[in-house]
Amino acid sequence: MRPDATAGASWVVNAGDAGIRLDKFLASPQRLGSRGRVIEALDKGKVFVNEQEASRRDAGTMLRAGNVVRVWMDRPGSAKRRPRASVEAGNVEILYEDDALMVVNKPPGLLSVPLPRQPDAGSAYDDLEAHLRPRGKRKPLVVHRIDRDTSGLVVFARTVRAQQALKDQFRRREPERVYLAVVYGHPEPREGTWRDHLVWDSKALIQKRTRAGDPAAKEAISRYRVLETLEGASLIEVRLVTGKRNQIRLQAKLRGHTLVGEQRYVYGPDALRSIECSRQALHAHRLSFQHPVDGRPLTFEAPLPADLTALVKRLRSACRAEAERGGGPATPAGRSRRAVPSVPVRR
């Protein structure tokens, strides 16, 4: 029998439950008993982790041993509470904001930060600065960035202290950074690691592969897996171990699996790249890190944007049509096709 949650209950996460999602932890029979009850409690501000209020966006937070999870079902005024929606700031969607940081979902075609050589080009930084200006707040501070034509998650700091703490995490390779990409061909094996030594060409403004002994070399490591086999292409997931500029774009090309829509890191004639896409098919899908002030784990996810969702659907339909015409199986023998990830943004 689970405790009477209407009177409130709390639990200390033990070693056996460490690493479990918050919603799964609370949905167990001895606690709230169902995910529906968990989501309702999160929506109404009745769930706390280490005395910090949690919302629906926190449902996927991985708990640690020693975390204290409390449910305050009769919290005054909680019956009418609703989760705060994300905020639009110019061209970007602010998914999370507090006194230390801001996490945004950047559309393709928008710079992460202003570039001196492109003074008239808009950026996510500009939009956030305009968002903060009416409230007399400080300007956003850059932590990391993604390419102009790459969509997805970017974090900015609100204080110098938070900026340094976040940069230190990235320097130590602690944040989880997961991208989705559509690449030409079908990578084999379907799961593995890309490891190269790269050097930035400041004149050509491109990343190049070099030998390990090059004094300017920087190690680049990515872990990939195929999510879905498509017609002439594949939807893959790439987890960055390191985070070098243009890393995924070059590493994919070096394996003969150029990103669909890629214009810079390519080889051979254009006829080899016949799939139409207005930009490189790359999306910063998931970002996890520790809050720079209190250390709590934060996880954000952004689903594929409309243009890449349409691309995958088009290639999936072509793959099925080819299979029906007898052109071969839509997926390699013995392997099932994975659906396009479509998970809501969460904190």
Protein backbone atom coordinates (compact mmCIF):
# COMPACT_ATOMS: atom_id res chain seq x y z
CA MET A 1 0.00 0.00 0.00
CA ARG A 2 1.38 3.38 -0.90
CA PRO A 3 1.42 6.22 1.65
CA ASP A 4 -1.41 8.75 1.77
CA ALA A 5 0.05 11.30 -0.62
CA THR A 6 -2.70 13.79 0.16
CA ALA A 7 -1.02 14.36 3.51
CA GLY A 8 2.41 14.61 1.92
CA ALA A 9 5.23 12.12 1.73
CA SER A 10 8.97 12.16 1.11
CA TRP A 11 11.56 9.58 0.13
CA VAL A 12 15.35 9.47 0.13
CA VAL A 13 16.75 7.96 -3.07
CA ASN A 14 18.88 4.93 -2.24
CA ALA A 15 21.76 3.47 -4.25
CA GLY A 16 19.44 0.96 -5.91
CA ASP A 17 17.25 3.73 -7.34
CA ALA A 18 20.13 6.02 -8.36
CA GLY A 19 19.96 6.85 -12.08
CA ILE A 20 16.18 6.36 -12.32
CA ARG A 21 13.98 9.08 -13.85
CA LEU A 22 11.98 11.23 -11.44
CA ASP A 23 8.63 10.31 -13.03
CA LYS A 24 9.41 6.58 -12.96
CA PHE A 25 10.56 6.81 -9.35
CA LEU A 26 7.31 8.47 -8.27
CA ALA A 27 5.08 6.23 -10.42
CA SER A 28 6.09 3.09 -8.50
CA PRO A 29 3.27 1.31 -6.61
CA GLN A 30 4.66 2.26 -3.21
CA ARG A 31 4.61 5.96 -4.10
CA LEU A 32 2.03 7.66 -6.38
CA GLY A 33 1.17 4.50 -8.30
CA SER A 34 0.85 5.82 -11.85
CA ARG A 35 2.54 8.20 -14.26
CA GLY A 36 -0.74 10.08 -14.68
CA ARG A 37 -0.76 10.98 -10.98
CA VAL A 38 2.89 11.98 -11.25
CA ILE A 39 2.31 14.32 -14.18
CA GLU A 40 -0.69 15.88 -12.45
CA ALA A 41 1.42 16.49 -9.33
CA LEU A 42 4.24 18.00 -11.39
CA ASP A 43 1.81 20.25 -13.29
CA LYS A 44 0.38 21.59 -10.05
CA GLY A 45 3.69 22.31 -8.32
CA LYS A 46 3.38 19.55 -5.74
CA VAL A 47 6.71 17.78 -6.33
CA PHE A 48 10.01 18.86 -4.82
CA VAL A 49 13.53 17.45 -5.25
CA ASN A 50 15.93 18.56 -2.53
CA GLU A 51 13.34 21.23 -1.66
CA GLN A 52 13.43 22.65 -5.22
CA GLU A 53 10.03 22.70 -6.94
CA ALA A 54 9.88 20.40 -9.97
CA SER A 55 7.65 20.77 -13.04
CA ARG A 56 6.67 18.48 -15.90
CA ARG A 57 9.93 19.40 -17.62
CA ASP A 58 11.78 17.78 -14.72
CA ALA A 59 10.07 14.42 -15.28
CA GLY A 60 13.12 12.96 -17.01
CA THR A 61 15.67 14.18 -14.46
CA MET A 62 17.93 11.34 -13.36
CA LEU A 63 17.93 11.02 -9.57
CA ARG A 64 21.05 10.55 -7.49
CA ALA A 65 21.56 8.57 -4.30
CA GLY A 66 20.72 10.81 -1.36
CA ASN A 67 18.27 13.03 -3.27
CA VAL A 68 15.15 13.81 -1.25
CA VAL A 69 11.93 13.63 -3.25
CA ARG A 70 8.85 15.13 -1.59
CA VAL A 71 5.22 15.25 -2.71
CA TRP A 72 3.06 17.97 -1.11
CA MET A 73 -0.37 17.05 -2.44
CA ASP A 74 -2.34 19.57 -0.36
CA ARG A 75 -0.02 22.50 -1.10
CA PRO A 76 -2.10 25.70 -0.76
CA GLY A 77 -3.13 27.10 -4.14
CA SER A 78 -1.75 24.13 -6.05
CA ALA A 79 -5.11 23.05 -7.47
CA LYS A 80 -4.96 25.78 -10.13
CA ARG A 81 -1.27 25.71 -10.94
CA ARG A 82 -0.14 25.03 -14.51
CA PRO A 83 3.32 24.56 -15.97
CA ARG A 84 4.88 27.73 -17.34
CA ALA A 85 5.04 27.71 -21.12
CA SER A 86 8.25 28.41 -22.95
CA VAL A 87 8.85 32.03 -23.92
CA GLU A 88 9.45 33.36 -27.42
CA ALA A 89 12.30 35.88 -27.62
CA GLY A 90 12.66 37.13 -31.18
CA ASN A 91 13.58 34.09 -33.25
CA VAL A 92 14.47 31.80 -30.36
CA GLU A 93 12.39 29.85 -27.88
CA ILE A 94 13.53 30.18 -24.28
CA LEU A 95 13.00 26.79 -22.70
CA TYR A 96 14.38 27.63 -19.27
CA GLU A 97 15.48 30.79 -17.49
CA ASP A 98 16.63 31.60 -13.98
CA ASP A 99 19.09 34.03 -12.37
CA ALA A 100 22.07 31.94 -13.49
CA LEU A 101 21.35 30.67 -17.00
CA MET A 102 19.08 30.49 -20.05
CA VAL A 103 18.53 27.53 -22.37
CA VAL A 104 17.15 28.20 -25.83
CA ASN A 105 16.01 26.25 -28.87
CA LYS A 106 17.70 27.97 -31.83
CA PRO A 107 16.20 27.72 -35.33
CA PRO A 108 18.40 27.06 -38.37
CA GLY A 109 19.74 30.09 -40.19
CA LEU A 110 20.38 32.07 -37.00
CA LEU A 111 23.86 32.58 -35.55
CA SER A 112 24.40 31.54 -31.95
CA VAL A 113 26.46 34.67 -31.27
CA PRO A 114 27.29 37.75 -33.41
CA LEU A 115 30.24 37.51 -35.78
CA PRO A 116 32.40 40.54 -36.67
CA ARG A 117 32.55 39.44 -40.31
CA GLN A 118 28.74 39.32 -40.47
CA PRO A 119 27.66 42.47 -38.61
CA ASP A 120 24.15 42.51 -40.08
CA ALA A 121 23.33 38.87 -39.35
CA GLY A 122 20.99 38.20 -36.45
CA SER A 123 21.88 35.90 -33.59
CA ALA A 124 20.35 34.11 -30.62
CA TYR A 125 22.53 36.32 -28.42
CA ASP A 126 20.93 39.45 -29.90
CA ASP A 127 17.44 38.10 -29.26
CA LEU A 128 18.27 37.27 -25.65
CA GLU A 129 19.86 40.68 -25.08
CA ALA A 130 16.67 42.33 -26.36
CA HIS A 131 14.62 40.04 -24.10
CA LEU A 132 16.59 41.08 -21.01
CA ARG A 133 16.95 44.80 -21.80
CA PRO A 134 13.46 45.99 -20.69
CA ARG A 135 14.03 44.46 -17.26
CA GLY A 136 17.41 46.12 -16.84
CA LYS A 137 19.11 42.75 -16.65
CA ARG A 138 22.69 41.99 -17.61
CA LYS A 139 23.53 40.83 -21.09
CA PRO A 140 23.68 37.06 -21.73
CA LEU A 141 27.11 35.45 -21.55
CA VAL A 142 28.28 32.88 -24.08
CA VAL A 143 28.95 29.33 -22.85
CA HIS A 144 29.05 27.36 -26.11
CA ARG A 145 27.58 27.64 -29.59
CA ILE A 146 26.25 25.62 -32.51
CA ASP A 147 26.60 26.36 -36.24
CA ARG A 148 24.35 28.88 -37.96
CA ASP A 149 22.47 26.25 -39.99
CA THR A 150 22.33 23.73 -37.16
CA SER A 151 19.16 23.89 -35.08
CA GLY A 152 18.63 23.04 -31.44
CA LEU A 153 19.77 23.59 -27.89
CA VAL A 154 22.18 26.27 -26.69
CA VAL A 155 22.86 27.44 -23.11
CA PHE A 156 23.82 30.99 -22.11
CA ALA A 157 24.88 32.21 -18.66
CA ARG A 158 23.44 35.17 -16.77
CA THR A 159 26.43 35.79 -14.45
CA VAL A 160 30.19 35.58 -14.83
CA ARG A 161 30.33 32.99 -12.05
CA ALA A 162 27.74 30.78 -13.76
CA GLN A 163 29.47 31.22 -17.12
CA GLN A 164 32.80 30.04 -15.72
CA ALA A 165 31.20 27.08 -13.91
CA LEU A 166 29.41 25.97 -17.08
CA LYS A 167 32.50 26.43 -19.24
CA ASP A 168 34.46 24.33 -16.76
CA GLN A 169 31.90 21.54 -17.16
CA PHE A 170 32.25 21.64 -20.94
CA ARG A 171 36.03 21.71 -20.64
CA ARG A 172 35.88 18.57 -18.47
CA ARG A 173 33.56 16.94 -21.06
CA GLU A 174 30.84 16.42 -18.46
CA PRO A 175 27.68 17.65 -20.26
CA GLU A 176 25.77 15.16 -22.39
CA ARG A 177 25.38 16.60 -25.91
CA VAL A 178 23.29 14.51 -28.29
CA TYR A 179 22.63 15.45 -31.92
CA LEU A 180 20.35 14.00 -34.57
CA ALA A 181 21.57 13.98 -38.17
CA VAL A 182 20.49 12.68 -41.55
CA VAL A 183 23.50 11.37 -43.48
CA TYR A 184 23.98 9.86 -46.90
CA GLY A 185 24.35 6.08 -46.99
CA HIS A 186 24.02 3.45 -44.28
CA PRO A 187 26.85 3.47 -41.72
CA GLU A 188 28.36 0.11 -40.85
CA PRO A 189 28.67 -0.94 -38.17
CA ARG A 190 25.39 0.59 -37.09
CA GLU A 191 26.97 1.77 -33.85
CA GLY A 192 30.50 2.89 -33.08
CA THR A 193 32.98 5.65 -32.31
CA TRP A 194 34.54 8.25 -34.60
CA ARG A 195 38.00 9.33 -33.43
CA ASP A 196 40.15 11.87 -35.31
CA HIS A 197 42.70 14.61 -34.81
CA LEU A 198 41.55 17.92 -36.24
CA VAL A 199 43.07 21.32 -36.86
CA TRP A 200 41.21 24.56 -37.59
CA ASP A 201 42.19 26.38 -40.78
CA SER A 202 41.66 30.03 -39.83
CA LYS A 203 42.04 31.22 -43.43
CA ALA A 204 39.65 28.77 -45.07
CA LEU A 205 37.44 28.73 -41.92
CA ILE A 206 37.12 24.95 -42.02
CA GLN A 207 38.14 22.03 -39.86
CA LYS A 208 40.69 19.61 -41.31
CA ARG A 209 41.91 16.18 -40.31
CA THR A 210 45.57 15.99 -39.36
CA ARG A 211 48.04 13.53 -37.84
CA ALA A 212 48.08 12.86 -34.10
CA GLY A 213 51.59 14.30 -33.83
CA ASP A 214 50.62 17.69 -35.24
CA PRO A 215 51.27 20.24 -32.43
CA ALA A 216 48.07 22.06 -33.44
CA ALA A 217 45.96 18.88 -33.42
CA LYS A 218 42.89 18.59 -31.22
CA GLU A 219 41.36 15.19 -30.52
CA ALA A 220 37.78 14.81 -31.72
CA ILE A 221 35.61 11.91 -30.48
CA SER A 222 31.97 11.18 -31.31
CA ARG A 223 29.83 8.13 -30.61
CA TYR A 224 27.14 7.37 -33.19
CA ARG A 225 24.33 4.90 -33.71
CA VAL A 226 21.87 4.42 -36.55
CA LEU A 227 18.28 5.11 -35.49
CA GLU A 228 16.56 4.48 -38.82
CA THR A 229 17.49 3.31 -42.30
CA LEU A 230 16.01 5.54 -45.01
CA GLU A 231 16.11 5.65 -48.80
CA GLY A 232 19.74 6.42 -49.63
CA ALA A 233 20.31 7.85 -46.18
CA SER A 234 20.14 7.18 -42.44
CA LEU A 235 18.89 9.00 -39.39
CA ILE A 236 21.66 8.78 -36.80
CA GLU A 237 22.24 9.89 -33.23
CA VAL A 238 25.65 11.36 -32.40
CA ARG A 239 26.92 11.89 -28.85
CA LEU A 240 29.79 14.32 -28.56
CA VAL A 241 32.62 13.29 -26.28
CA THR A 242 34.62 16.33 -27.38
CA GLY A 243 33.05 19.44 -28.86
CA LYS A 244 35.19 20.85 -31.66
CA ARG A 245 33.88 23.31 -34.22
CA ASN A 246 32.09 21.54 -37.12
CA GLN A 247 33.13 18.21 -35.57
CA ILE A 248 30.15 16.06 -36.57
CA ARG A 249 29.97 17.55 -40.05
CA LEU A 250 33.59 16.69 -40.83
CA GLN A 251 33.71 13.32 -39.08
CA ALA A 252 30.63 12.12 -40.95
CA LYS A 253 32.14 13.22 -44.26
CA LEU A 254 35.43 11.46 -43.49
CA ARG A 255 33.50 8.16 -43.19
CA GLY A 256 31.75 8.67 -46.51
CA HIS A 257 28.48 9.68 -44.87
CA THR A 258 28.20 13.39 -45.63
CA LEU A 259 25.28 15.14 -43.95
CA VAL A 260 22.31 15.67 -46.23
CA GLY A 261 22.23 19.35 -47.21
CA GLU A 262 25.92 19.86 -46.34
CA GLN A 263 27.68 22.49 -48.47
CA ARG A 264 31.13 22.76 -46.91
CA TYR A 265 32.32 19.29 -45.86
CA VAL A 266 31.67 17.38 -49.08
CA TYR A 267 33.57 15.38 -51.68
CA GLY A 268 33.01 14.58 -55.36
CA PRO A 269 30.41 16.04 -57.74
CA ASP A 270 27.05 17.42 -56.61
CA ALA A 271 25.36 14.47 -58.35
CA LEU A 272 26.47 12.32 -55.43
CA ARG A 273 24.26 14.43 -53.13
CA SER A 274 20.85 14.32 -54.77
CA ILE A 275 18.64 14.63 -51.68
CA GLU A 276 17.22 18.13 -51.38
CA CYS A 277 17.60 19.93 -48.07
CA SER A 278 18.09 23.67 -47.55
CA ARG A 279 20.74 23.25 -44.83
CA GLN A 280 22.88 20.58 -43.22
CA ALA A 281 20.55 18.09 -41.56
CA LEU A 282 21.91 18.47 -38.04
CA HIS A 283 19.98 19.19 -34.83
CA ALA A 284 21.19 19.62 -31.23
CA HIS A 285 18.59 17.34 -29.68
CA ARG A 286 19.51 16.77 -26.03
CA LEU A 287 21.65 18.66 -23.53
CA SER A 288 22.33 17.62 -19.93
CA PHE A 289 24.52 19.37 -17.39
CA GLN A 290 24.66 20.38 -13.73
CA HIS A 291 23.18 23.65 -12.59
CA PRO A 292 26.14 26.00 -12.06
CA VAL A 293 24.86 27.22 -8.68
CA ASP A 294 23.23 24.33 -6.84
CA GLY A 295 24.59 21.37 -8.81
CA ARG A 296 21.21 19.80 -9.60
CA PRO A 297 21.07 17.85 -12.88
CA LEU A 298 19.25 19.54 -15.76
CA THR A 299 18.20 17.80 -18.97
CA PHE A 300 16.63 19.48 -21.99
CA GLU A 301 15.34 17.93 -25.20
CA ALA A 302 14.14 19.56 -28.42
CA PRO A 303 12.34 17.47 -31.05
CA LEU A 304 13.35 17.57 -34.69
CA PRO A 305 12.18 20.84 -36.27
CA ALA A 306 9.63 20.83 -39.07
CA ASP A 307 12.10 20.85 -41.97
CA LEU A 308 14.04 17.82 -40.76
CA THR A 309 10.88 15.98 -39.75
CA ALA A 310 9.57 16.48 -43.29
CA LEU A 311 12.89 15.28 -44.73
CA VAL A 312 12.84 12.07 -42.69
CA LYS A 313 9.21 11.38 -43.59
CA ARG A 314 9.95 11.90 -47.28
CA LEU A 315 12.92 9.52 -47.23
CA ARG A 316 11.00 6.99 -45.15
CA SER A 317 8.16 6.96 -47.70
CA ALA A 318 10.67 6.53 -50.55
CA CYS A 319 12.28 3.65 -48.67
CA ARG A 320 8.94 1.89 -48.27
CA ALA A 321 8.03 2.48 -51.90
CA GLU A 322 11.34 0.96 -53.02
CA ALA A 323 10.74 -2.09 -50.85
CA GLU A 324 7.25 -2.54 -52.29
CA ARG A 325 8.69 -2.43 -55.81
CA GLY A 326 10.97 -5.30 -54.89
CA GLY A 327 14.09 -3.21 -54.63
CA GLY A 328 15.13 -4.85 -51.40
CA PRO A 329 14.18 -4.68 -47.75
CA ALA A 330 13.47 -1.27 -46.29
CA THR A 331 15.87 -2.06 -43.46
CA PRO A 332 18.78 -4.50 -43.15
CA ALA A 333 17.71 -8.06 -42.44
CA GLY A 334 16.87 -8.73 -38.84
CA ARG A 335 16.77 -5.07 -37.81
CA SER A 336 13.65 -3.08 -37.04
CA ARG A 337 13.22 0.52 -38.05
CA ARG A 338 13.24 3.13 -35.28
CA ALA A 339 10.73 5.97 -35.40
CA VAL A 340 11.85 9.60 -35.52
CA PRO A 341 12.43 10.79 -31.95
CA SER A 342 9.61 13.11 -30.99
CA VAL A 343 9.98 13.92 -27.35
CA PRO A 344 8.87 17.15 -25.73
CA VAL A 345 11.39 19.59 -24.38
CA ARG A 346 11.97 18.89 -20.75
CA ARG A 347 13.98 20.34 -17.92
